[in-house]
Amino acid sequence: MRSLRVVLLGGLLLFSASQARAGESGRIQDPAWDFYAKSQKQIQVAYHHLVRLYLHDLKDTVLKSQELQLAQADQQNERYYFLAEHHPERIIRNQGFNAFVNFPWTQEDEALLLAGNKAFQKRQKQIDKLKTKLEQDPGYARILDKLRALSGDVEYRKIHTRFRFVPRDVETLLSGQSLPDAENTF
């Protein structure tokens, strides 16, 4: 995996940073987006692990919450790559991290993706089901309260510190540079 990551990141030097590129499989690849998406999933796992340490009695609910967050991250990944394939001009790569990760997404985009992608349809059903289960679970409010209360916690700060450089690293990748050591950045 490390060598694949290095190859993907090193490949940026050969291509313009202003465009996503097609990989061997034909699917567009974007190391900056992939790095961001991977970090988002890792931070969700870390935060939910921390909540499980405090709320032992809600282990199943915490795992459902984590599953929801990870499914939503996968869904956002699908949206990004749909946009990269069909409307790459709407992905803003030269105005910083926030402009890049908060890409414009319309109801029409959503409808087209839902209509043409069975995996996306299945994930949407999974997300809807998890949201319904969590909304009906009285422990879910406790989890959300705990997540908000953890901001002063030492372990929470350690997680936050691990991920604080993600925006900088994404911008580095967007500029066409590689990261010194992509596997250890977060």
N, C-alpha and C. Protein backbone atom coordinates (compact mmCIF):
# COMPACT_ATOMS: atom_id res chain seq x y z
N MET A 1 0.84 -1.20 0.00
CA MET A 1 0.00 0.00 0.00
C MET A 1 0.87 1.25 0.00
N ARG A 2 1.94 1.21 0.78
CA ARG A 2 2.83 2.37 0.85
C ARG A 2 3.41 2.69 -0.52
N SER A 3 3.86 1.65 -1.23
CA SER A 3 4.46 1.91 -2.54
C SER A 3 3.42 2.43 -3.52
N LEU A 4 2.18 1.93 -3.45
CA LEU A 4 1.12 2.44 -4.31
C LEU A 4 0.87 3.91 -4.01
N ARG A 5 0.85 4.27 -2.73
CA ARG A 5 0.63 5.66 -2.34
C ARG A 5 1.76 6.56 -2.85
N VAL A 6 2.98 6.08 -2.73
CA VAL A 6 4.13 6.85 -3.19
C VAL A 6 4.06 7.03 -4.70
N VAL A 7 3.68 5.95 -5.43
CA VAL A 7 3.55 6.04 -6.87
C VAL A 7 2.49 7.07 -7.25
N LEU A 8 1.33 7.01 -6.56
CA LEU A 8 0.27 7.97 -6.86
C LEU A 8 0.70 9.40 -6.58
N LEU A 9 1.33 9.60 -5.44
CA LEU A 9 1.76 10.95 -5.09
C LEU A 9 2.90 11.42 -5.98
N GLY A 10 3.82 10.53 -6.30
CA GLY A 10 4.92 10.89 -7.18
C GLY A 10 4.44 11.21 -8.59
N GLY A 11 3.34 10.57 -8.97
CA GLY A 11 2.80 10.82 -10.29
C GLY A 11 2.31 12.23 -10.49
N LEU A 12 2.05 12.91 -9.43
CA LEU A 12 1.62 14.30 -9.54
C LEU A 12 2.66 15.17 -10.22
N LEU A 13 3.91 14.82 -10.06
CA LEU A 13 4.96 15.62 -10.66
C LEU A 13 4.89 15.58 -12.19
N LEU A 14 4.28 14.53 -12.72
CA LEU A 14 4.22 14.37 -14.16
C LEU A 14 2.99 15.01 -14.79
N PHE A 15 2.01 15.36 -13.97
CA PHE A 15 0.76 15.89 -14.48
C PHE A 15 0.46 17.24 -13.88
N SER A 16 -0.36 17.97 -14.54
CA SER A 16 -0.76 19.28 -14.05
C SER A 16 -1.57 19.13 -12.78
N ALA A 17 -1.29 19.96 -11.81
CA ALA A 17 -2.03 19.92 -10.55
C ALA A 17 -3.43 20.46 -10.73
N SER A 18 -3.73 21.07 -11.84
CA SER A 18 -5.06 21.66 -12.02
C SER A 18 -6.09 20.66 -12.51
N GLN A 19 -5.67 19.43 -12.79
CA GLN A 19 -6.61 18.45 -13.30
C GLN A 19 -6.43 17.13 -12.59
N ALA A 20 -7.54 16.43 -12.39
CA ALA A 20 -7.45 15.05 -11.94
C ALA A 20 -7.02 14.23 -13.15
N ARG A 21 -6.49 13.04 -12.91
CA ARG A 21 -5.99 12.26 -14.03
C ARG A 21 -6.59 10.86 -14.03
N ALA A 22 -6.54 10.20 -15.16
CA ALA A 22 -7.05 8.84 -15.27
C ALA A 22 -5.95 7.87 -14.88
N GLY A 23 -6.33 6.86 -14.11
CA GLY A 23 -5.39 5.82 -13.72
C GLY A 23 -5.44 4.66 -14.70
N GLU A 24 -4.71 3.60 -14.38
CA GLU A 24 -4.66 2.44 -15.27
C GLU A 24 -6.04 1.83 -15.46
N SER A 25 -6.89 1.89 -14.43
CA SER A 25 -8.21 1.29 -14.53
C SER A 25 -9.16 2.15 -15.35
N GLY A 26 -8.74 3.35 -15.71
CA GLY A 26 -9.59 4.26 -16.45
C GLY A 26 -10.35 5.21 -15.55
N ARG A 27 -10.46 4.89 -14.28
CA ARG A 27 -11.13 5.79 -13.34
C ARG A 27 -10.20 6.95 -13.02
N ILE A 28 -10.76 8.11 -12.95
CA ILE A 28 -10.00 9.29 -12.58
C ILE A 28 -9.42 9.08 -11.18
N GLN A 29 -8.19 9.50 -10.98
CA GLN A 29 -7.57 9.45 -9.67
C GLN A 29 -7.13 10.85 -9.29
N ASP A 30 -7.24 11.16 -8.04
CA ASP A 30 -6.82 12.47 -7.57
C ASP A 30 -6.15 12.30 -6.21
N PRO A 31 -4.83 12.29 -6.16
CA PRO A 31 -4.13 12.08 -4.90
C PRO A 31 -4.49 13.08 -3.81
N ALA A 32 -4.75 14.33 -4.17
CA ALA A 32 -5.13 15.32 -3.15
C ALA A 32 -6.46 14.95 -2.52
N TRP A 33 -7.44 14.58 -3.36
CA TRP A 33 -8.74 14.19 -2.82
C TRP A 33 -8.63 12.89 -2.03
N ASP A 34 -7.89 11.92 -2.58
CA ASP A 34 -7.76 10.63 -1.90
C ASP A 34 -7.13 10.80 -0.52
N PHE A 35 -6.13 11.66 -0.43
CA PHE A 35 -5.49 11.93 0.86
C PHE A 35 -6.50 12.54 1.83
N TYR A 36 -7.26 13.50 1.36
CA TYR A 36 -8.29 14.13 2.20
C TYR A 36 -9.34 13.11 2.64
N ALA A 37 -9.85 12.32 1.69
CA ALA A 37 -10.90 11.36 2.01
C ALA A 37 -10.41 10.33 3.03
N LYS A 38 -9.18 9.86 2.85
CA LYS A 38 -8.62 8.89 3.79
C LYS A 38 -8.48 9.51 5.19
N SER A 39 -8.04 10.74 5.25
CA SER A 39 -7.88 11.39 6.56
C SER A 39 -9.23 11.60 7.24
N GLN A 40 -10.27 11.92 6.47
CA GLN A 40 -11.60 12.10 7.05
C GLN A 40 -12.11 10.81 7.68
N LYS A 41 -11.87 9.71 7.01
CA LYS A 41 -12.30 8.43 7.56
C LYS A 41 -11.49 8.07 8.82
N GLN A 42 -10.20 8.34 8.77
CA GLN A 42 -9.36 8.02 9.92
C GLN A 42 -9.74 8.85 11.14
N ILE A 43 -10.07 10.10 10.94
CA ILE A 43 -10.43 10.93 12.08
C ILE A 43 -11.76 10.48 12.68
N GLN A 44 -12.69 10.05 11.86
CA GLN A 44 -13.96 9.54 12.38
C GLN A 44 -13.74 8.29 13.22
N VAL A 45 -12.90 7.40 12.75
CA VAL A 45 -12.59 6.18 13.51
C VAL A 45 -11.94 6.56 14.84
N ALA A 46 -11.00 7.49 14.82
CA ALA A 46 -10.31 7.90 16.04
C ALA A 46 -11.27 8.54 17.04
N TYR A 47 -12.12 9.44 16.58
CA TYR A 47 -13.07 10.09 17.48
C TYR A 47 -14.06 9.08 18.06
N HIS A 48 -14.56 8.19 17.25
CA HIS A 48 -15.51 7.21 17.75
C HIS A 48 -14.85 6.23 18.71
N HIS A 49 -13.61 5.89 18.46
CA HIS A 49 -12.87 5.04 19.40
C HIS A 49 -12.78 5.73 20.76
N LEU A 50 -12.48 7.01 20.75
CA LEU A 50 -12.38 7.76 21.99
C LEU A 50 -13.73 7.80 22.72
N VAL A 51 -14.79 8.01 22.00
CA VAL A 51 -16.12 8.03 22.63
C VAL A 51 -16.44 6.67 23.24
N ARG A 52 -16.06 5.59 22.56
CA ARG A 52 -16.31 4.25 23.12
C ARG A 52 -15.60 4.05 24.45
N LEU A 53 -14.44 4.70 24.63
CA LEU A 53 -13.72 4.58 25.91
C LEU A 53 -14.53 5.17 27.06
N TYR A 54 -15.30 6.20 26.77
CA TYR A 54 -16.09 6.88 27.80
C TYR A 54 -17.49 6.31 27.95
N LEU A 55 -18.05 5.82 26.89
CA LEU A 55 -19.45 5.37 26.91
C LEU A 55 -19.52 3.88 26.59
N HIS A 56 -18.98 3.06 27.50
CA HIS A 56 -18.93 1.61 27.29
C HIS A 56 -20.30 1.01 27.03
N ASP A 57 -21.30 1.55 27.71
CA ASP A 57 -22.64 0.99 27.60
C ASP A 57 -23.29 1.27 26.24
N LEU A 58 -22.69 2.14 25.45
CA LEU A 58 -23.27 2.50 24.15
C LEU A 58 -22.41 2.01 22.98
N LYS A 59 -21.67 0.95 23.20
CA LYS A 59 -20.75 0.47 22.17
C LYS A 59 -21.46 0.26 20.82
N ASP A 60 -22.60 -0.41 20.83
CA ASP A 60 -23.31 -0.68 19.57
C ASP A 60 -23.76 0.61 18.90
N THR A 61 -24.22 1.56 19.68
CA THR A 61 -24.67 2.83 19.12
C THR A 61 -23.49 3.62 18.58
N VAL A 62 -22.39 3.60 19.29
CA VAL A 62 -21.18 4.29 18.82
C VAL A 62 -20.72 3.68 17.49
N LEU A 63 -20.76 2.36 17.39
CA LEU A 63 -20.36 1.70 16.15
C LEU A 63 -21.31 2.05 15.00
N LYS A 64 -22.61 2.17 15.29
CA LYS A 64 -23.56 2.59 14.25
C LYS A 64 -23.27 4.03 13.82
N SER A 65 -22.95 4.88 14.78
CA SER A 65 -22.62 6.27 14.46
C SER A 65 -21.37 6.33 13.58
N GLN A 66 -20.38 5.54 13.94
CA GLN A 66 -19.16 5.49 13.14
C GLN A 66 -19.47 4.96 11.74
N GLU A 67 -20.28 3.92 11.66
CA GLU A 67 -20.65 3.36 10.36
C GLU A 67 -21.35 4.42 9.50
N LEU A 68 -22.20 5.22 10.11
CA LEU A 68 -22.88 6.30 9.38
C LEU A 68 -21.87 7.30 8.85
N GLN A 69 -20.95 7.74 9.70
CA GLN A 69 -19.96 8.73 9.28
C GLN A 69 -19.07 8.20 8.15
N LEU A 70 -18.69 6.93 8.24
CA LEU A 70 -17.85 6.35 7.20
C LEU A 70 -18.62 6.18 5.89
N ALA A 71 -19.89 5.81 5.99
CA ALA A 71 -20.72 5.69 4.78
C ALA A 71 -20.92 7.06 4.14
N GLN A 72 -21.10 8.09 4.95
CA GLN A 72 -21.24 9.44 4.41
C GLN A 72 -19.93 9.91 3.76
N ALA A 73 -18.80 9.51 4.32
CA ALA A 73 -17.51 9.85 3.72
C ALA A 73 -17.37 9.14 2.37
N ASP A 74 -17.77 7.89 2.30
CA ASP A 74 -17.73 7.16 1.03
C ASP A 74 -18.66 7.81 0.01
N GLN A 75 -19.80 8.25 0.47
CA GLN A 75 -20.76 8.91 -0.42
C GLN A 75 -20.18 10.22 -0.96
N GLN A 76 -19.51 10.97 -0.11
CA GLN A 76 -18.89 12.22 -0.55
C GLN A 76 -17.78 11.93 -1.56
N ASN A 77 -17.08 10.84 -1.36
CA ASN A 77 -16.04 10.43 -2.29
C ASN A 77 -16.65 10.14 -3.67
N GLU A 78 -17.76 9.43 -3.69
CA GLU A 78 -18.45 9.15 -4.95
C GLU A 78 -18.91 10.44 -5.62
N ARG A 79 -19.40 11.37 -4.83
CA ARG A 79 -19.83 12.65 -5.40
C ARG A 79 -18.65 13.38 -6.04
N TYR A 80 -17.53 13.40 -5.32
CA TYR A 80 -16.36 14.07 -5.85
C TYR A 80 -15.95 13.47 -7.20
N TYR A 81 -15.84 12.16 -7.26
CA TYR A 81 -15.37 11.53 -8.49
C TYR A 81 -16.41 11.63 -9.61
N PHE A 82 -17.69 11.67 -9.27
CA PHE A 82 -18.72 11.93 -10.28
C PHE A 82 -18.50 13.31 -10.88
N LEU A 83 -18.29 14.30 -10.02
CA LEU A 83 -18.06 15.66 -10.48
C LEU A 83 -16.76 15.76 -11.28
N ALA A 84 -15.73 15.08 -10.81
CA ALA A 84 -14.44 15.11 -11.51
C ALA A 84 -14.57 14.53 -12.92
N GLU A 85 -15.44 13.55 -13.08
CA GLU A 85 -15.62 12.94 -14.39
C GLU A 85 -16.55 13.76 -15.29
N HIS A 86 -17.62 14.29 -14.71
CA HIS A 86 -18.64 14.94 -15.53
C HIS A 86 -18.55 16.47 -15.57
N HIS A 87 -18.03 17.07 -14.53
CA HIS A 87 -17.92 18.54 -14.47
C HIS A 87 -16.63 18.95 -13.74
N PRO A 88 -15.48 18.58 -14.28
CA PRO A 88 -14.22 18.90 -13.59
C PRO A 88 -14.01 20.40 -13.41
N GLU A 89 -14.62 21.20 -14.23
CA GLU A 89 -14.48 22.65 -14.12
C GLU A 89 -15.09 23.19 -12.82
N ARG A 90 -15.95 22.41 -12.18
CA ARG A 90 -16.58 22.86 -10.94
C ARG A 90 -15.76 22.49 -9.70
N ILE A 91 -14.68 21.77 -9.88
CA ILE A 91 -13.79 21.46 -8.77
C ILE A 91 -12.72 22.55 -8.73
N ILE A 92 -12.69 23.26 -7.63
CA ILE A 92 -11.79 24.42 -7.50
C ILE A 92 -10.50 23.96 -6.84
N ARG A 93 -9.44 23.96 -7.60
CA ARG A 93 -8.16 23.43 -7.13
C ARG A 93 -7.13 24.50 -6.84
N ASN A 94 -7.45 25.75 -7.13
CA ASN A 94 -6.43 26.80 -7.00
C ASN A 94 -6.82 27.90 -6.01
N GLN A 95 -7.80 27.63 -5.16
CA GLN A 95 -8.22 28.63 -4.18
C GLN A 95 -8.20 28.10 -2.76
N GLY A 96 -7.35 27.13 -2.52
CA GLY A 96 -7.16 26.63 -1.17
C GLY A 96 -8.01 25.42 -0.81
N PHE A 97 -7.76 24.96 0.38
CA PHE A 97 -8.36 23.73 0.90
C PHE A 97 -9.88 23.79 0.93
N ASN A 98 -10.44 24.83 1.55
CA ASN A 98 -11.89 24.89 1.71
C ASN A 98 -12.62 24.91 0.38
N ALA A 99 -12.12 25.66 -0.57
CA ALA A 99 -12.75 25.71 -1.89
C ALA A 99 -12.69 24.34 -2.57
N PHE A 100 -11.62 23.61 -2.34
CA PHE A 100 -11.45 22.29 -2.95
C PHE A 100 -12.40 21.26 -2.35
N VAL A 101 -12.44 21.17 -1.03
CA VAL A 101 -13.23 20.10 -0.39
C VAL A 101 -14.72 20.42 -0.32
N ASN A 102 -15.09 21.68 -0.42
CA ASN A 102 -16.49 22.07 -0.39
C ASN A 102 -16.98 22.38 -1.81
N PHE A 103 -16.84 21.39 -2.67
CA PHE A 103 -17.19 21.56 -4.07
C PHE A 103 -18.70 21.75 -4.23
N PRO A 104 -19.09 22.47 -5.28
CA PRO A 104 -20.52 22.70 -5.51
C PRO A 104 -21.21 21.41 -5.94
N TRP A 105 -22.33 21.13 -5.33
CA TRP A 105 -23.09 19.91 -5.62
C TRP A 105 -24.55 20.29 -5.70
N THR A 106 -25.21 19.86 -6.76
CA THR A 106 -26.60 20.25 -6.97
C THR A 106 -27.54 19.06 -6.82
N GLN A 107 -28.82 19.35 -6.72
CA GLN A 107 -29.83 18.29 -6.68
C GLN A 107 -29.82 17.51 -7.99
N GLU A 108 -29.53 18.19 -9.08
CA GLU A 108 -29.45 17.51 -10.38
C GLU A 108 -28.28 16.52 -10.38
N ASP A 109 -27.14 16.94 -9.83
CA ASP A 109 -25.99 16.03 -9.71
C ASP A 109 -26.38 14.79 -8.91
N GLU A 110 -27.06 15.03 -7.79
CA GLU A 110 -27.46 13.93 -6.91
C GLU A 110 -28.38 12.97 -7.65
N ALA A 111 -29.35 13.52 -8.37
CA ALA A 111 -30.30 12.68 -9.11
C ALA A 111 -29.59 11.85 -10.18
N LEU A 112 -28.67 12.46 -10.90
CA LEU A 112 -27.93 11.74 -11.94
C LEU A 112 -27.06 10.64 -11.35
N LEU A 113 -26.41 10.93 -10.24
CA LEU A 113 -25.56 9.92 -9.61
C LEU A 113 -26.40 8.78 -9.06
N LEU A 114 -27.51 9.10 -8.43
CA LEU A 114 -28.41 8.06 -7.92
C LEU A 114 -28.94 7.19 -9.04
N ALA A 115 -29.30 7.81 -10.15
CA ALA A 115 -29.89 7.06 -11.27
C ALA A 115 -28.88 6.14 -11.94
N GLY A 116 -27.62 6.51 -11.95
CA GLY A 116 -26.64 5.75 -12.71
C GLY A 116 -25.66 4.93 -11.91
N ASN A 117 -25.82 4.84 -10.60
CA ASN A 117 -24.81 4.17 -9.78
C ASN A 117 -25.49 3.33 -8.71
N LYS A 118 -25.53 2.02 -8.94
CA LYS A 118 -26.20 1.09 -8.00
C LYS A 118 -25.53 1.11 -6.62
N ALA A 119 -24.21 1.22 -6.58
CA ALA A 119 -23.50 1.25 -5.29
C ALA A 119 -23.88 2.51 -4.51
N PHE A 120 -24.02 3.62 -5.20
CA PHE A 120 -24.42 4.86 -4.55
C PHE A 120 -25.85 4.75 -4.01
N GLN A 121 -26.73 4.12 -4.80
CA GLN A 121 -28.11 3.90 -4.36
C GLN A 121 -28.13 3.05 -3.08
N LYS A 122 -27.36 1.99 -3.10
CA LYS A 122 -27.29 1.09 -1.93
C LYS A 122 -26.75 1.83 -0.71
N ARG A 123 -25.70 2.64 -0.92
CA ARG A 123 -25.12 3.39 0.20
C ARG A 123 -26.13 4.40 0.74
N GLN A 124 -26.89 5.04 -0.16
CA GLN A 124 -27.89 6.00 0.29
C GLN A 124 -28.94 5.32 1.16
N LYS A 125 -29.36 4.13 0.77
CA LYS A 125 -30.32 3.37 1.58
C LYS A 125 -29.72 3.01 2.93
N GLN A 126 -28.44 2.62 2.91
CA GLN A 126 -27.75 2.30 4.16
C GLN A 126 -27.70 3.53 5.08
N ILE A 127 -27.37 4.68 4.52
CA ILE A 127 -27.29 5.92 5.29
C ILE A 127 -28.66 6.27 5.86
N ASP A 128 -29.68 6.19 5.05
CA ASP A 128 -31.03 6.51 5.52
C ASP A 128 -31.45 5.58 6.65
N LYS A 129 -31.14 4.30 6.50
CA LYS A 129 -31.47 3.31 7.53
C LYS A 129 -30.72 3.60 8.83
N LEU A 130 -29.42 3.88 8.72
CA LEU A 130 -28.62 4.19 9.92
C LEU A 130 -29.11 5.47 10.60
N LYS A 131 -29.43 6.49 9.82
CA LYS A 131 -29.95 7.74 10.40
C LYS A 131 -31.22 7.48 11.17
N THR A 132 -32.13 6.69 10.59
CA THR A 132 -33.39 6.38 11.25
C THR A 132 -33.14 5.63 12.55
N LYS A 133 -32.28 4.61 12.50
CA LYS A 133 -31.96 3.84 13.72
C LYS A 133 -31.35 4.74 14.79
N LEU A 134 -30.42 5.60 14.39
CA LEU A 134 -29.75 6.46 15.37
C LEU A 134 -30.70 7.51 15.94
N GLU A 135 -31.57 8.06 15.11
CA GLU A 135 -32.53 9.04 15.60
C GLU A 135 -33.48 8.43 16.63
N GLN A 136 -33.75 7.15 16.50
CA GLN A 136 -34.65 6.45 17.43
C GLN A 136 -33.92 5.91 18.65
N ASP A 137 -32.60 5.96 18.63
CA ASP A 137 -31.79 5.42 19.73
C ASP A 137 -31.54 6.52 20.76
N PRO A 138 -32.04 6.35 21.98
CA PRO A 138 -31.84 7.39 23.00
C PRO A 138 -30.37 7.61 23.36
N GLY A 139 -29.53 6.65 23.12
CA GLY A 139 -28.11 6.80 23.42
C GLY A 139 -27.37 7.69 22.42
N TYR A 140 -27.95 7.89 21.26
CA TYR A 140 -27.28 8.70 20.23
C TYR A 140 -27.08 10.14 20.69
N ALA A 141 -28.05 10.68 21.38
CA ALA A 141 -27.92 12.05 21.90
C ALA A 141 -26.75 12.13 22.88
N ARG A 142 -26.57 11.09 23.69
CA ARG A 142 -25.44 11.05 24.62
C ARG A 142 -24.11 11.04 23.87
N ILE A 143 -24.06 10.32 22.76
CA ILE A 143 -22.83 10.27 21.96
C ILE A 143 -22.51 11.64 21.40
N LEU A 144 -23.52 12.30 20.83
CA LEU A 144 -23.31 13.64 20.27
C LEU A 144 -22.88 14.63 21.35
N ASP A 145 -23.50 14.53 22.52
CA ASP A 145 -23.12 15.40 23.64
C ASP A 145 -21.67 15.13 24.06
N LYS A 146 -21.29 13.86 24.09
CA LYS A 146 -19.93 13.51 24.49
C LYS A 146 -18.92 14.02 23.46
N LEU A 147 -19.24 13.90 22.19
CA LEU A 147 -18.34 14.41 21.16
C LEU A 147 -18.12 15.92 21.33
N ARG A 148 -19.19 16.63 21.63
CA ARG A 148 -19.06 18.08 21.85
C ARG A 148 -18.25 18.39 23.11
N ALA A 149 -18.43 17.59 24.13
CA ALA A 149 -17.76 17.83 25.41
C ALA A 149 -16.28 17.45 25.39
N LEU A 150 -15.88 16.65 24.44
CA LEU A 150 -14.51 16.15 24.41
C LEU A 150 -13.46 17.17 23.96
N SER A 151 -13.88 18.31 23.48
CA SER A 151 -12.91 19.25 22.90
C SER A 151 -11.80 19.64 23.87
N GLY A 152 -12.04 19.57 25.16
CA GLY A 152 -11.01 19.89 26.13
C GLY A 152 -10.23 18.68 26.61
N ASP A 153 -10.61 17.50 26.19
CA ASP A 153 -9.98 16.25 26.61
C ASP A 153 -8.59 16.10 26.01
N VAL A 154 -7.66 15.60 26.78
CA VAL A 154 -6.28 15.43 26.33
C VAL A 154 -6.20 14.49 25.13
N GLU A 155 -6.90 13.37 25.18
CA GLU A 155 -6.87 12.42 24.07
C GLU A 155 -7.50 13.01 22.82
N TYR A 156 -8.55 13.77 22.99
CA TYR A 156 -9.19 14.45 21.86
C TYR A 156 -8.19 15.40 21.21
N ARG A 157 -7.48 16.15 22.03
CA ARG A 157 -6.49 17.09 21.50
C ARG A 157 -5.38 16.37 20.74
N LYS A 158 -5.01 15.19 21.22
CA LYS A 158 -3.99 14.40 20.51
C LYS A 158 -4.49 14.02 19.11
N ILE A 159 -5.75 13.61 19.04
CA ILE A 159 -6.32 13.26 17.73
C ILE A 159 -6.34 14.50 16.85
N HIS A 160 -6.81 15.59 17.41
CA HIS A 160 -6.90 16.84 16.65
C HIS A 160 -5.51 17.27 16.15
N THR A 161 -4.51 17.13 16.99
CA THR A 161 -3.14 17.50 16.62
C THR A 161 -2.64 16.63 15.47
N ARG A 162 -2.98 15.33 15.51
CA ARG A 162 -2.56 14.43 14.44
C ARG A 162 -3.09 14.86 13.08
N PHE A 163 -4.28 15.45 13.07
CA PHE A 163 -4.94 15.75 11.80
C PHE A 163 -4.89 17.23 11.42
N ARG A 164 -4.27 18.06 12.22
CA ARG A 164 -4.32 19.50 11.97
C ARG A 164 -3.58 19.92 10.69
N PHE A 165 -2.69 19.08 10.19
CA PHE A 165 -1.94 19.43 9.00
C PHE A 165 -2.57 18.93 7.71
N VAL A 166 -3.72 18.29 7.80
CA VAL A 166 -4.37 17.78 6.59
C VAL A 166 -4.65 18.89 5.59
N PRO A 167 -5.22 20.03 5.99
CA PRO A 167 -5.45 21.09 4.98
C PRO A 167 -4.15 21.53 4.29
N ARG A 168 -3.10 21.69 5.05
CA ARG A 168 -1.82 22.09 4.47
C ARG A 168 -1.32 21.04 3.49
N ASP A 169 -1.44 19.77 3.88
CA ASP A 169 -0.95 18.69 3.04
C ASP A 169 -1.78 18.56 1.76
N VAL A 170 -3.08 18.76 1.87
CA VAL A 170 -3.93 18.73 0.67
C VAL A 170 -3.51 19.86 -0.27
N GLU A 171 -3.28 21.04 0.27
CA GLU A 171 -2.84 22.16 -0.57
C GLU A 171 -1.49 21.88 -1.23
N THR A 172 -0.61 21.21 -0.51
CA THR A 172 0.68 20.82 -1.07
C THR A 172 0.47 19.90 -2.28
N LEU A 173 -0.40 18.93 -2.11
CA LEU A 173 -0.70 18.01 -3.21
C LEU A 173 -1.38 18.73 -4.37
N LEU A 174 -2.25 19.66 -4.06
CA LEU A 174 -2.92 20.43 -5.11
C LEU A 174 -1.92 21.26 -5.92
N SER A 175 -0.86 21.68 -5.29
CA SER A 175 0.14 22.49 -5.98
C SER A 175 1.08 21.66 -6.85
N GLY A 176 0.91 20.35 -6.83
CA GLY A 176 1.74 19.48 -7.66
C GLY A 176 2.96 18.95 -6.95
N GLN A 177 3.13 19.28 -5.69
CA GLN A 177 4.27 18.78 -4.93
C GLN A 177 3.88 17.48 -4.24
N SER A 178 4.87 16.72 -3.86
CA SER A 178 4.59 15.51 -3.11
C SER A 178 4.84 15.79 -1.63
N LEU A 179 4.29 14.92 -0.81
CA LEU A 179 4.50 15.05 0.64
C LEU A 179 5.78 14.32 1.02
N PRO A 180 6.48 14.82 2.03
CA PRO A 180 7.73 14.16 2.44
C PRO A 180 7.55 12.69 2.76
N ASP A 181 6.49 12.35 3.50
CA ASP A 181 6.21 10.96 3.84
C ASP A 181 4.73 10.83 4.03
N ALA A 182 4.02 10.51 2.97
CA ALA A 182 2.57 10.48 2.97
C ALA A 182 1.99 9.53 4.00
N GLU A 183 2.67 8.43 4.28
CA GLU A 183 2.11 7.45 5.21
C GLU A 183 2.15 7.96 6.66
N ASN A 184 3.02 8.89 6.99
CA ASN A 184 3.15 9.33 8.37
C ASN A 184 2.62 10.75 8.58
N THR A 185 1.97 11.31 7.60
CA THR A 185 1.49 12.68 7.74
C THR A 185 0.34 12.76 8.73
N PHE A 186 -0.51 11.74 8.76
CA PHE A 186 -1.58 11.73 9.78
C PHE A 186 -1.66 10.40 10.42
